[in-house]
Amino acid sequence: MSLWEQLCTPTFQTMSIWEIIMLVCFAASWPAAIIKTWRAKNPAGKSILFAVLIIIGYIAGALQKVLNKPDAVFWLYVFNGLLVSTDLVLVLWYRFRNRMAEKKQKADA
């Protein structure tokens, strides 16, 4: 069986139900953070370092799945990583946008 087939063929005998529950809970939480950032358009209090560390953790989890124990849980790591990356991009964008607005405001004053 190829690596791709192993990643796309879930079997509960090889997957950890606790790992799945953890990743599903995280996946349910990240959209709330994304929506909050999107609505507020002010990422004050959001840590870029925290988001980067979380992304690195998801990459490590995905790599562990690919290299040691291929199963469909790999896709939960990918999905969670994309959610955190989306929030990080929004944080960076709104910080940049807000700084440009402040500079413009200072220049106009």
PDB file of N, CA and C in Angstrom:
ATOM      1  N   MET A   1       0.846  -1.172   0.000  1.00  0.00           N
ATOM      2  CA  MET A   1       0.000   0.000   0.000  1.00  0.00           C
ATOM      3  C   MET A   1       0.892   1.235   0.000  1.00  0.00           C
ATOM      4  N   SER A   2       0.603   2.170  -0.888  1.00  0.00           N
ATOM      5  CA  SER A   2       1.427   3.369  -0.988  1.00  0.00           C
ATOM      6  C   SER A   2       1.151   4.305   0.189  1.00  0.00           C
ATOM      7  N   LEU A   3       2.045   5.265   0.395  1.00  0.00           N
ATOM      8  CA  LEU A   3       1.883   6.245   1.460  1.00  0.00           C
ATOM      9  C   LEU A   3       0.577   7.009   1.271  1.00  0.00           C
ATOM     10  N   TRP A   4       0.284   7.397   0.046  1.00  0.00           N
ATOM     11  CA  TRP A   4      -0.945   8.137  -0.247  1.00  0.00           C
ATOM     12  C   TRP A   4      -2.175   7.304   0.138  1.00  0.00           C
ATOM     13  N   GLU A   5      -2.165   6.021  -0.199  1.00  0.00           N
ATOM     14  CA  GLU A   5      -3.289   5.150   0.154  1.00  0.00           C
ATOM     15  C   GLU A   5      -3.420   5.008   1.673  1.00  0.00           C
ATOM     16  N   GLN A   6      -2.290   4.936   2.356  1.00  0.00           N
ATOM     17  CA  GLN A   6      -2.324   4.829   3.807  1.00  0.00           C
ATOM     18  C   GLN A   6      -2.898   6.092   4.438  1.00  0.00           C
ATOM     19  N   LEU A   7      -2.533   7.263   3.881  1.00  0.00           N
ATOM     20  CA  LEU A   7      -3.025   8.525   4.421  1.00  0.00           C
ATOM     21  C   LEU A   7      -4.512   8.716   4.153  1.00  0.00           C
ATOM     22  N   CYS A   8      -5.021   8.120   3.104  1.00  0.00           N
ATOM     23  CA  CYS A   8      -6.419   8.309   2.718  1.00  0.00           C
ATOM     24  C   CYS A   8      -7.323   7.160   3.148  1.00  0.00           C
ATOM     25  N   THR A   9      -6.784   6.141   3.776  1.00  0.00           N
ATOM     26  CA  THR A   9      -7.576   4.992   4.189  1.00  0.00           C
ATOM     27  C   THR A   9      -7.579   4.912   5.718  1.00  0.00           C
ATOM     28  N   PRO A  10      -8.581   5.544   6.337  1.00  0.00           N
ATOM     29  CA  PRO A  10      -8.588   5.512   7.798  1.00  0.00           C
ATOM     30  C   PRO A  10      -9.008   4.157   8.351  1.00  0.00           C
ATOM     31  N   THR A  11      -8.311   3.720   9.359  1.00  0.00           N
ATOM     32  CA  THR A  11      -8.725   2.533  10.103  1.00  0.00           C
ATOM     33  C   THR A  11      -8.592   2.874  11.573  1.00  0.00           C
ATOM     34  N   PHE A  12      -9.635   2.673  12.321  1.00  0.00           N
ATOM     35  CA  PHE A  12      -9.606   3.047  13.728  1.00  0.00           C
ATOM     36  C   PHE A  12      -8.666   2.171  14.539  1.00  0.00           C
ATOM     37  N   GLN A  13      -8.234   1.036  13.979  1.00  0.00           N
ATOM     38  CA  GLN A  13      -7.278   0.217  14.701  1.00  0.00           C
ATOM     39  C   GLN A  13      -5.919   0.916  14.784  1.00  0.00           C
ATOM     40  N   THR A  14      -5.588   1.728  13.787  1.00  0.00           N
ATOM     41  CA  THR A  14      -4.280   2.376  13.767  1.00  0.00           C
ATOM     42  C   THR A  14      -4.334   3.821  14.237  1.00  0.00           C
ATOM     43  N   MET A  15      -5.502   4.430  14.251  1.00  0.00           N
ATOM     44  CA  MET A  15      -5.597   5.829  14.641  1.00  0.00           C
ATOM     45  C   MET A  15      -5.914   5.948  16.129  1.00  0.00           C
ATOM     46  N   SER A  16      -5.375   6.965  16.747  1.00  0.00           N
ATOM     47  CA  SER A  16      -5.642   7.219  18.157  1.00  0.00           C
ATOM     48  C   SER A  16      -6.909   8.054  18.279  1.00  0.00           C
ATOM     49  N   ILE A  17      -7.912   7.511  18.925  1.00  0.00           N
ATOM     50  CA  ILE A  17      -9.167   8.238  19.105  1.00  0.00           C
ATOM     51  C   ILE A  17      -8.942   9.501  19.927  1.00  0.00           C
ATOM     52  N   TRP A  18      -7.989   9.469  20.867  1.00  0.00           N
ATOM     53  CA  TRP A  18      -7.731  10.641  21.710  1.00  0.00           C
ATOM     54  C   TRP A  18      -7.071  11.749  20.899  1.00  0.00           C
ATOM     55  N   GLU A  19      -6.202  11.370  20.002  1.00  0.00           N
ATOM     56  CA  GLU A  19      -5.563  12.356  19.120  1.00  0.00           C
ATOM     57  C   GLU A  19      -6.610  12.989  18.210  1.00  0.00           C
ATOM     58  N   ILE A  20      -7.519  12.185  17.716  1.00  0.00           N
ATOM     59  CA  ILE A  20      -8.591  12.690  16.849  1.00  0.00           C
ATOM     60  C   ILE A  20      -9.468  13.665  17.623  1.00  0.00           C
ATOM     61  N   ILE A  21      -9.856  13.304  18.842  1.00  0.00           N
ATOM     62  CA  ILE A  21     -10.703  14.189  19.650  1.00  0.00           C
ATOM     63  C   ILE A  21      -9.995  15.513  19.905  1.00  0.00           C
ATOM     64  N   MET A  22      -8.708  15.449  20.263  1.00  0.00           N
ATOM     65  CA  MET A  22      -7.943  16.671  20.519  1.00  0.00           C
ATOM     66  C   MET A  22      -7.929  17.576  19.288  1.00  0.00           C
ATOM     67  N   LEU A  23      -7.623  17.007  18.142  1.00  0.00           N
ATOM     68  CA  LEU A  23      -7.517  17.815  16.928  1.00  0.00           C
ATOM     69  C   LEU A  23      -8.870  18.352  16.472  1.00  0.00           C
ATOM     70  N   VAL A  24      -9.929  17.580  16.655  1.00  0.00           N
ATOM     71  CA  VAL A  24     -11.270  18.059  16.305  1.00  0.00           C
ATOM     72  C   VAL A  24     -11.670  19.211  17.232  1.00  0.00           C
ATOM     73  N   CYS A  25     -11.349  19.107  18.509  1.00  0.00           N
ATOM     74  CA  CYS A  25     -11.650  20.204  19.438  1.00  0.00           C
ATOM     75  C   CYS A  25     -10.882  21.470  19.066  1.00  0.00           C
ATOM     76  N   PHE A  26      -9.616  21.323  18.731  1.00  0.00           N
ATOM     77  CA  PHE A  26      -8.851  22.480  18.286  1.00  0.00           C
ATOM     78  C   PHE A  26      -9.447  23.057  17.011  1.00  0.00           C
ATOM     79  N   ALA A  27      -9.819  22.181  16.086  1.00  0.00           N
ATOM     80  CA  ALA A  27     -10.393  22.641  14.816  1.00  0.00           C
ATOM     81  C   ALA A  27     -11.712  23.374  15.041  1.00  0.00           C
ATOM     82  N   ALA A  28     -12.438  23.005  16.071  1.00  0.00           N
ATOM     83  CA  ALA A  28     -13.690  23.690  16.375  1.00  0.00           C
ATOM     84  C   ALA A  28     -13.431  25.056  17.008  1.00  0.00           C
ATOM     85  N   SER A  29     -12.282  25.223  17.654  1.00  0.00           N
ATOM     86  CA  SER A  29     -11.971  26.474  18.345  1.00  0.00           C
ATOM     87  C   SER A  29     -11.369  27.541  17.435  1.00  0.00           C
ATOM     88  N   TRP A  30     -10.567  27.136  16.479  1.00  0.00           N
ATOM     89  CA  TRP A  30      -9.865  28.125  15.653  1.00  0.00           C
ATOM     90  C   TRP A  30     -10.788  29.032  14.843  1.00  0.00           C
ATOM     91  N   PRO A  31     -11.902  28.542  14.303  1.00  0.00           N
ATOM     92  CA  PRO A  31     -12.773  29.473  13.563  1.00  0.00           C
ATOM     93  C   PRO A  31     -13.266  30.640  14.420  1.00  0.00           C
ATOM     94  N   ALA A  32     -13.490  30.419  15.713  1.00  0.00           N
ATOM     95  CA  ALA A  32     -13.905  31.515  16.595  1.00  0.00           C
ATOM     96  C   ALA A  32     -12.809  32.578  16.672  1.00  0.00           C
ATOM     97  N   ALA A  33     -11.561  32.156  16.751  1.00  0.00           N
ATOM     98  CA  ALA A  33     -10.447  33.107  16.787  1.00  0.00           C
ATOM     99  C   ALA A  33     -10.343  33.867  15.469  1.00  0.00           C
ATOM    100  N   ILE A  34     -10.549  33.158  14.370  1.00  0.00           N
ATOM    101  CA  ILE A  34     -10.483  33.805  13.051  1.00  0.00           C
ATOM    102  C   ILE A  34     -11.595  34.838  12.917  1.00  0.00           C
ATOM    103  N   ILE A  35     -12.799  34.467  13.317  1.00  0.00           N
ATOM    104  CA  ILE A  35     -13.939  35.389  13.216  1.00  0.00           C
ATOM    105  C   ILE A  35     -13.726  36.604  14.105  1.00  0.00           C
ATOM    106  N   LYS A  36     -13.197  36.393  15.301  1.00  0.00           N
ATOM    107  CA  LYS A  36     -12.933  37.506  16.215  1.00  0.00           C
ATOM    108  C   LYS A  36     -11.928  38.482  15.598  1.00  0.00           C
ATOM    109  N   THR A  37     -10.863  37.947  15.027  1.00  0.00           N
ATOM    110  CA  THR A  37      -9.866  38.795  14.379  1.00  0.00           C
ATOM    111  C   THR A  37     -10.477  39.532  13.200  1.00  0.00           C
ATOM    112  N   TRP A  38     -11.257  38.834  12.418  1.00  0.00           N
ATOM    113  CA  TRP A  38     -11.885  39.415  11.221  1.00  0.00           C
ATOM    114  C   TRP A  38     -12.830  40.557  11.600  1.00  0.00           C
ATOM    115  N   ARG A  39     -13.655  40.331  12.611  1.00  0.00           N
ATOM    116  CA  ARG A  39     -14.637  41.347  13.006  1.00  0.00           C
ATOM    117  C   ARG A  39     -13.990  42.537  13.689  1.00  0.00           C
ATOM    118  N   ALA A  40     -13.054  42.294  14.575  1.00  0.00           N
ATOM    119  CA  ALA A  40     -12.425  43.374  15.340  1.00  0.00           C
ATOM    120  C   ALA A  40     -11.480  44.206  14.475  1.00  0.00           C
ATOM    121  N   LYS A  41     -10.847  43.564  13.502  1.00  0.00           N
ATOM    122  CA  LYS A  41      -9.860  44.224  12.644  1.00  0.00           C
ATOM    123  C   LYS A  41      -8.760  44.910  13.468  1.00  0.00           C
ATOM    124  N   ASN A  42      -8.611  44.415  14.695  1.00  0.00           N
ATOM    125  CA  ASN A  42      -7.588  44.935  15.593  1.00  0.00           C
ATOM    126  C   ASN A  42      -6.994  43.750  16.349  1.00  0.00           C
ATOM    127  N   PRO A  43      -5.820  43.304  15.928  1.00  0.00           N
ATOM    128  CA  PRO A  43      -5.246  42.091  16.526  1.00  0.00           C
ATOM    129  C   PRO A  43      -4.499  42.328  17.837  1.00  0.00           C
ATOM    130  N   ALA A  44      -4.830  43.407  18.532  1.00  0.00           N
ATOM    131  CA  ALA A  44      -4.156  43.690  19.805  1.00  0.00           C
ATOM    132  C   ALA A  44      -4.320  42.491  20.740  1.00  0.00           C
ATOM    133  N   GLY A  45      -3.238  42.109  21.363  1.00  0.00           N
ATOM    134  CA  GLY A  45      -3.274  40.989  22.289  1.00  0.00           C
ATOM    135  C   GLY A  45      -2.997  39.640  21.646  1.00  0.00           C
ATOM    136  N   LYS A  46      -2.954  39.586  20.314  1.00  0.00           N
ATOM    137  CA  LYS A  46      -2.651  38.328  19.630  1.00  0.00           C
ATOM    138  C   LYS A  46      -1.134  38.208  19.489  1.00  0.00           C
ATOM    139  N   SER A  47      -0.614  37.054  19.808  1.00  0.00           N
ATOM    140  CA  SER A  47       0.823  36.821  19.748  1.00  0.00           C
ATOM    141  C   SER A  47       1.200  36.105  18.450  1.00  0.00           C
ATOM    142  N   ILE A  48       2.072  36.737  17.696  1.00  0.00           N
ATOM    143  CA  ILE A  48       2.572  36.119  16.465  1.00  0.00           C
ATOM    144  C   ILE A  48       3.428  34.905  16.818  1.00  0.00           C
ATOM    145  N   LEU A  49       4.249  35.027  17.841  1.00  0.00           N
ATOM    146  CA  LEU A  49       5.104  33.915  18.260  1.00  0.00           C
ATOM    147  C   LEU A  49       4.266  32.695  18.652  1.00  0.00           C
ATOM    148  N   PHE A  50       3.188  32.924  19.385  1.00  0.00           N
ATOM    149  CA  PHE A  50       2.303  31.826  19.792  1.00  0.00           C
ATOM    150  C   PHE A  50       1.752  31.103  18.564  1.00  0.00           C
ATOM    151  N   ALA A  51       1.257  31.860  17.601  1.00  0.00           N
ATOM    152  CA  ALA A  51       0.690  31.255  16.389  1.00  0.00           C
ATOM    153  C   ALA A  51       1.750  30.474  15.622  1.00  0.00           C
ATOM    154  N   VAL A  52       2.941  31.023  15.511  1.00  0.00           N
ATOM    155  CA  VAL A  52       4.024  30.336  14.800  1.00  0.00           C
ATOM    156  C   VAL A  52       4.393  29.035  15.515  1.00  0.00           C
ATOM    157  N   LEU A  53       4.455  29.068  16.831  1.00  0.00           N
ATOM    158  CA  LEU A  53       4.768  27.851  17.586  1.00  0.00           C
ATOM    159  C   LEU A  53       3.679  26.790  17.407  1.00  0.00           C
ATOM    160  N   ILE A  54       2.432  27.204  17.373  1.00  0.00           N
ATOM    161  CA  ILE A  54       1.333  26.256  17.146  1.00  0.00           C
ATOM    162  C   ILE A  54       1.455  25.644  15.754  1.00  0.00           C
ATOM    163  N   ILE A  55       1.747  26.473  14.761  1.00  0.00           N
ATOM    164  CA  ILE A  55       1.911  25.974  13.386  1.00  0.00           C
ATOM    165  C   ILE A  55       3.060  24.973  13.324  1.00  0.00           C
ATOM    166  N   ILE A  56       4.171  25.293  13.973  1.00  0.00           N
ATOM    167  CA  ILE A  56       5.307  24.362  14.001  1.00  0.00           C
ATOM    168  C   ILE A  56       4.880  23.042  14.648  1.00  0.00           C
ATOM    169  N   GLY A  57       4.093  23.114  15.706  1.00  0.00           N
ATOM    170  CA  GLY A  57       3.595  21.897  16.354  1.00  0.00           C
ATOM    171  C   GLY A  57       2.734  21.060  15.418  1.00  0.00           C
ATOM    172  N   TYR A  58       1.861  21.711  14.648  1.00  0.00           N
ATOM    173  CA  TYR A  58       1.030  20.971  13.696  1.00  0.00           C
ATOM    174  C   TYR A  58       1.880  20.371  12.573  1.00  0.00           C
ATOM    175  N   ILE A  59       2.883  21.096  12.134  1.00  0.00           N
ATOM    176  CA  ILE A  59       3.791  20.553  11.101  1.00  0.00           C
ATOM    177  C   ILE A  59       4.506  19.318  11.655  1.00  0.00           C
ATOM    178  N   ALA A  60       4.964  19.408  12.897  1.00  0.00           N
ATOM    179  CA  ALA A  60       5.643  18.262  13.521  1.00  0.00           C
ATOM    180  C   ALA A  60       4.697  17.063  13.640  1.00  0.00           C
ATOM    181  N   GLY A  61       3.462  17.315  14.025  1.00  0.00           N
ATOM    182  CA  GLY A  61       2.487  16.232  14.125  1.00  0.00           C
ATOM    183  C   GLY A  61       2.204  15.600  12.774  1.00  0.00           C
ATOM    184  N   ALA A  62       2.076  16.437  11.737  1.00  0.00           N
ATOM    185  CA  ALA A  62       1.830  15.925  10.386  1.00  0.00           C
ATOM    186  C   ALA A  62       3.024  15.113   9.889  1.00  0.00           C
ATOM    187  N   LEU A  63       4.230  15.612  10.146  1.00  0.00           N
ATOM    188  CA  LEU A  63       5.428  14.874   9.735  1.00  0.00           C
ATOM    189  C   LEU A  63       5.529  13.535  10.462  1.00  0.00           C
ATOM    190  N   GLN A  64       5.179  13.522  11.743  1.00  0.00           N
ATOM    191  CA  GLN A  64       5.199  12.266  12.484  1.00  0.00           C
ATOM    192  C   GLN A  64       4.243  11.266  11.847  1.00  0.00           C
ATOM    193  N   LYS A  65       3.090  11.752  11.418  1.00  0.00           N
ATOM    194  CA  LYS A  65       2.117  10.862  10.772  1.00  0.00           C
ATOM    195  C   LYS A  65       2.656  10.328   9.450  1.00  0.00           C
ATOM    196  N   VAL A  66       3.286  11.176   8.669  1.00  0.00           N
ATOM    197  CA  VAL A  66       3.800  10.755   7.366  1.00  0.00           C
ATOM    198  C   VAL A  66       4.976   9.793   7.528  1.00  0.00           C
ATOM    199  N   LEU A  67       5.879  10.106   8.441  1.00  0.00           N
ATOM    200  CA  LEU A  67       7.120   9.336   8.551  1.00  0.00           C
ATOM    201  C   LEU A  67       7.006   8.066   9.388  1.00  0.00           C
ATOM    202  N   ASN A  68       6.162   8.083  10.416  1.00  0.00           N
ATOM    203  CA  ASN A  68       6.142   6.952  11.346  1.00  0.00           C
ATOM    204  C   ASN A  68       4.849   6.155  11.358  1.00  0.00           C
ATOM    205  N   LYS A  69       3.741   6.831  11.277  1.00  0.00           N
ATOM    206  CA  LYS A  69       2.463   6.142  11.461  1.00  0.00           C
ATOM    207  C   LYS A  69       1.420   6.751  10.519  1.00  0.00           C
ATOM    208  N   PRO A  70       1.544   6.522   9.216  1.00  0.00           N
ATOM    209  CA  PRO A  70       0.615   7.154   8.279  1.00  0.00           C
ATOM    210  C   PRO A  70      -0.832   6.711   8.512  1.00  0.00           C
ATOM    211  N   ASP A  71      -1.685   7.695   8.696  1.00  0.00           N
ATOM    212  CA  ASP A  71      -3.123   7.452   8.757  1.00  0.00           C
ATOM    213  C   ASP A  71      -3.847   8.756   8.446  1.00  0.00           C
ATOM    214  N   ALA A  72      -5.155   8.709   8.454  1.00  0.00           N
ATOM    215  CA  ALA A  72      -5.961   9.859   8.038  1.00  0.00           C
ATOM    216  C   ALA A  72      -5.902  11.020   9.027  1.00  0.00           C
ATOM    217  N   VAL A  73      -5.388  10.808  10.224  1.00  0.00           N
ATOM    218  CA  VAL A  73      -5.264  11.900  11.194  1.00  0.00           C
ATOM    219  C   VAL A  73      -4.341  12.986  10.644  1.00  0.00           C
ATOM    220  N   PHE A  74      -3.469  12.599   9.723  1.00  0.00           N
ATOM    221  CA  PHE A  74      -2.603  13.562   9.032  1.00  0.00           C
ATOM    222  C   PHE A  74      -3.409  14.760   8.541  1.00  0.00           C
ATOM    223  N   TRP A  75      -4.595  14.509   7.972  1.00  0.00           N
ATOM    224  CA  TRP A  75      -5.411  15.583   7.386  1.00  0.00           C
ATOM    225  C   TRP A  75      -5.958  16.519   8.457  1.00  0.00           C
ATOM    226  N   LEU A  76      -6.152  16.037   9.671  1.00  0.00           N
ATOM    227  CA  LEU A  76      -6.576  16.919  10.759  1.00  0.00           C
ATOM    228  C   LEU A  76      -5.454  17.892  11.130  1.00  0.00           C
ATOM    229  N   TYR A  77      -4.217  17.400  11.114  1.00  0.00           N
ATOM    230  CA  TYR A  77      -3.086  18.301  11.360  1.00  0.00           C
ATOM    231  C   TYR A  77      -2.995  19.364  10.265  1.00  0.00           C
ATOM    232  N   VAL A  78      -3.169  18.955   9.025  1.00  0.00           N
ATOM    233  CA  VAL A  78      -3.117  19.902   7.908  1.00  0.00           C
ATOM    234  C   VAL A  78      -4.231  20.940   8.054  1.00  0.00           C
ATOM    235  N   PHE A  79      -5.450  20.484   8.325  1.00  0.00           N
ATOM    236  CA  PHE A  79      -6.595  21.388   8.463  1.00  0.00           C
ATOM    237  C   PHE A  79      -6.382  22.386   9.604  1.00  0.00           C
ATOM    238  N   ASN A  80      -5.940  21.896  10.753  1.00  0.00           N
ATOM    239  CA  ASN A  80      -5.670  22.786  11.883  1.00  0.00           C
ATOM    240  C   ASN A  80      -4.571  23.785  11.552  1.00  0.00           C
ATOM    241  N   GLY A  81      -3.518  23.317  10.890  1.00  0.00           N
ATOM    242  CA  GLY A  81      -2.441  24.219  10.489  1.00  0.00           C
ATOM    243  C   GLY A  81      -2.929  25.318   9.569  1.00  0.00           C
ATOM    244  N   LEU A  82      -3.841  24.967   8.652  1.00  0.00           N
ATOM    245  CA  LEU A  82      -4.409  25.983   7.755  1.00  0.00           C
ATOM    246  C   LEU A  82      -5.263  26.986   8.515  1.00  0.00           C
ATOM    247  N   LEU A  83      -6.006  26.519   9.503  1.00  0.00           N
ATOM    248  CA  LEU A  83      -6.823  27.439  10.305  1.00  0.00           C
ATOM    249  C   LEU A  83      -5.944  28.427  11.077  1.00  0.00           C
ATOM    250  N   VAL A  84      -4.913  27.934  11.727  1.00  0.00           N
ATOM    251  CA  VAL A  84      -4.019  28.811  12.484  1.00  0.00           C
ATOM    252  C   VAL A  84      -3.288  29.761  11.539  1.00  0.00           C
ATOM    253  N   SER A  85      -2.884  29.261  10.382  1.00  0.00           N
ATOM    254  CA  SER A  85      -2.213  30.108   9.392  1.00  0.00           C
ATOM    255  C   SER A  85      -3.134  31.223   8.911  1.00  0.00           C
ATOM    256  N   THR A  86      -4.411  30.914   8.741  1.00  0.00           N
ATOM    257  CA  THR A  86      -5.381  31.934   8.337  1.00  0.00           C
ATOM    258  C   THR A  86      -5.464  33.032   9.383  1.00  0.00           C
ATOM    259  N   ASP A  87      -5.556  32.649  10.651  1.00  0.00           N
ATOM    260  CA  ASP A  87      -5.605  33.643  11.715  1.00  0.00           C
ATOM    261  C   ASP A  87      -4.319  34.456  11.755  1.00  0.00           C
ATOM    262  N   LEU A  88      -3.182  33.810  11.574  1.00  0.00           N
ATOM    263  CA  LEU A  88      -1.898  34.520  11.579  1.00  0.00           C
ATOM    264  C   LEU A  88      -1.825  35.531  10.438  1.00  0.00           C
ATOM    265  N   VAL A  89      -2.272  35.137   9.263  1.00  0.00           N
ATOM    266  CA  VAL A  89      -2.262  36.066   8.120  1.00  0.00           C
ATOM    267  C   VAL A  89      -3.153  37.270   8.421  1.00  0.00           C
ATOM    268  N   LEU A  90      -4.328  37.031   8.989  1.00  0.00           N
ATOM    269  CA  LEU A  90      -5.209  38.151   9.349  1.00  0.00           C
ATOM    270  C   LEU A  90      -4.550  39.074  10.375  1.00  0.00           C
ATOM    271  N   VAL A  91      -3.911  38.498  11.376  1.00  0.00           N
ATOM    272  CA  VAL A  91      -3.230  39.301  12.391  1.00  0.00           C
ATOM    273  C   VAL A  91      -2.145  40.157  11.746  1.00  0.00           C
ATOM    274  N   LEU A  92      -1.335  39.552  10.902  1.00  0.00           N
ATOM    275  CA  LEU A  92      -0.262  40.315  10.240  1.00  0.00           C
ATOM    276  C   LEU A  92      -0.838  41.405   9.338  1.00  0.00           C
ATOM    277  N   TRP A  93      -1.886  41.074   8.607  1.00  0.00           N
ATOM    278  CA  TRP A  93      -2.504  42.049   7.703  1.00  0.00           C
ATOM    279  C   TRP A  93      -3.074  43.232   8.476  1.00  0.00           C
ATOM    280  N   TYR A  94      -3.840  42.962   9.536  1.00  0.00           N
ATOM    281  CA  TYR A  94      -4.457  44.059  10.285  1.00  0.00           C
ATOM    282  C   TYR A  94      -3.421  44.870  11.051  1.00  0.00           C
ATOM    283  N   ARG A  95      -2.358  44.244  11.514  1.00  0.00           N
ATOM    284  CA  ARG A  95      -1.286  45.025  12.150  1.00  0.00           C
ATOM    285  C   ARG A  95      -0.642  45.964  11.143  1.00  0.00           C
ATOM    286  N   PHE A  96      -0.361  45.433   9.959  1.00  0.00           N
ATOM    287  CA  PHE A  96       0.220  46.269   8.906  1.00  0.00           C
ATOM    288  C   PHE A  96      -0.735  47.406   8.547  1.00  0.00           C
ATOM    289  N   ARG A  97      -1.994  47.068   8.319  1.00  0.00           N
ATOM    290  CA  ARG A  97      -2.997  48.064   7.925  1.00  0.00           C
ATOM    291  C   ARG A  97      -3.172  49.124   8.997  1.00  0.00           C
ATOM    292  N   ASN A  98      -3.227  48.717  10.246  1.00  0.00           N
ATOM    293  CA  ASN A  98      -3.400  49.679  11.337  1.00  0.00           C
ATOM    294  C   ASN A  98      -2.180  50.578  11.490  1.00  0.00           C
ATOM    295  N   ARG A  99      -0.988  50.028  11.296  1.00  0.00           N
ATOM    296  CA  ARG A  99       0.225  50.860  11.374  1.00  0.00           C
ATOM    297  C   ARG A  99       0.268  51.878  10.244  1.00  0.00           C
ATOM    298  N   MET A 100      -0.151  51.458   9.048  1.00  0.00           N
ATOM    299  CA  MET A 100      -0.182  52.397   7.922  1.00  0.00           C
ATOM    300  C   MET A 100      -1.211  53.515   8.166  1.00  0.00           C
ATOM    301  N   ALA A 101      -2.336  53.170   8.760  1.00  0.00           N
ATOM    302  CA  ALA A 101      -3.355  54.166   9.078  1.00  0.00           C
ATOM    303  C   ALA A 101      -2.844  55.139  10.121  1.00  0.00           C
ATOM    304  N   GLU A 102      -2.110  54.634  11.123  1.00  0.00           N
ATOM    305  CA  GLU A 102      -1.525  55.518  12.145  1.00  0.00           C
ATOM    306  C   GLU A 102      -0.505  56.454  11.535  1.00  0.00           C
ATOM    307  N   LYS A 103       0.341  55.940  10.650  1.00  0.00           N
ATOM    308  CA  LYS A 103       1.340  56.781   9.993  1.00  0.00           C
ATOM    309  C   LYS A 103       0.683  57.856   9.157  1.00  0.00           C
ATOM    310  N   LYS A 104      -0.374  57.495   8.454  1.00  0.00           N
ATOM    311  CA  LYS A 104      -1.088  58.456   7.626  1.00  0.00           C
ATOM    312  C   LYS A 104      -1.733  59.518   8.494  1.00  0.00           C
ATOM    313  N   GLN A 105      -2.296  59.098   9.623  1.00  0.00           N
ATOM    314  CA  GLN A 105      -2.935  60.022  10.548  1.00  0.00           C
ATOM    315  C   GLN A 105      -1.923  61.000  11.114  1.00  0.00           C
ATOM    316  N   LYS A 106      -0.736  60.509  11.463  1.00  0.00           N
ATOM    317  CA  LYS A 106       0.316  61.376  11.989  1.00  0.00           C
ATOM    318  C   LYS A 106       0.812  62.342  10.915  1.00  0.00           C
ATOM    319  N   ALA A 107       0.904  61.853   9.695  1.00  0.00           N
ATOM    320  CA  ALA A 107       1.371  62.704   8.593  1.00  0.00           C
ATOM    321  C   ALA A 107       0.353  63.803   8.283  1.00  0.00           C
ATOM    322  N   ASP A 108      -0.916  63.494   8.423  1.00  0.00           N
ATOM    323  CA  ASP A 108      -1.969  64.474   8.139  1.00  0.00           C
ATOM    324  C   ASP A 108      -2.104  65.498   9.272  1.00  0.00           C
ATOM    325  N   ALA A 109      -1.647  65.147  10.462  1.00  0.00           N
ATOM    326  CA  ALA A 109      -1.815  66.050  11.623  1.00  0.00           C
ATOM    327  C   ALA A 109      -0.794  67.146  11.653  1.00  0.00           C
TER     328      ALA A 109
END
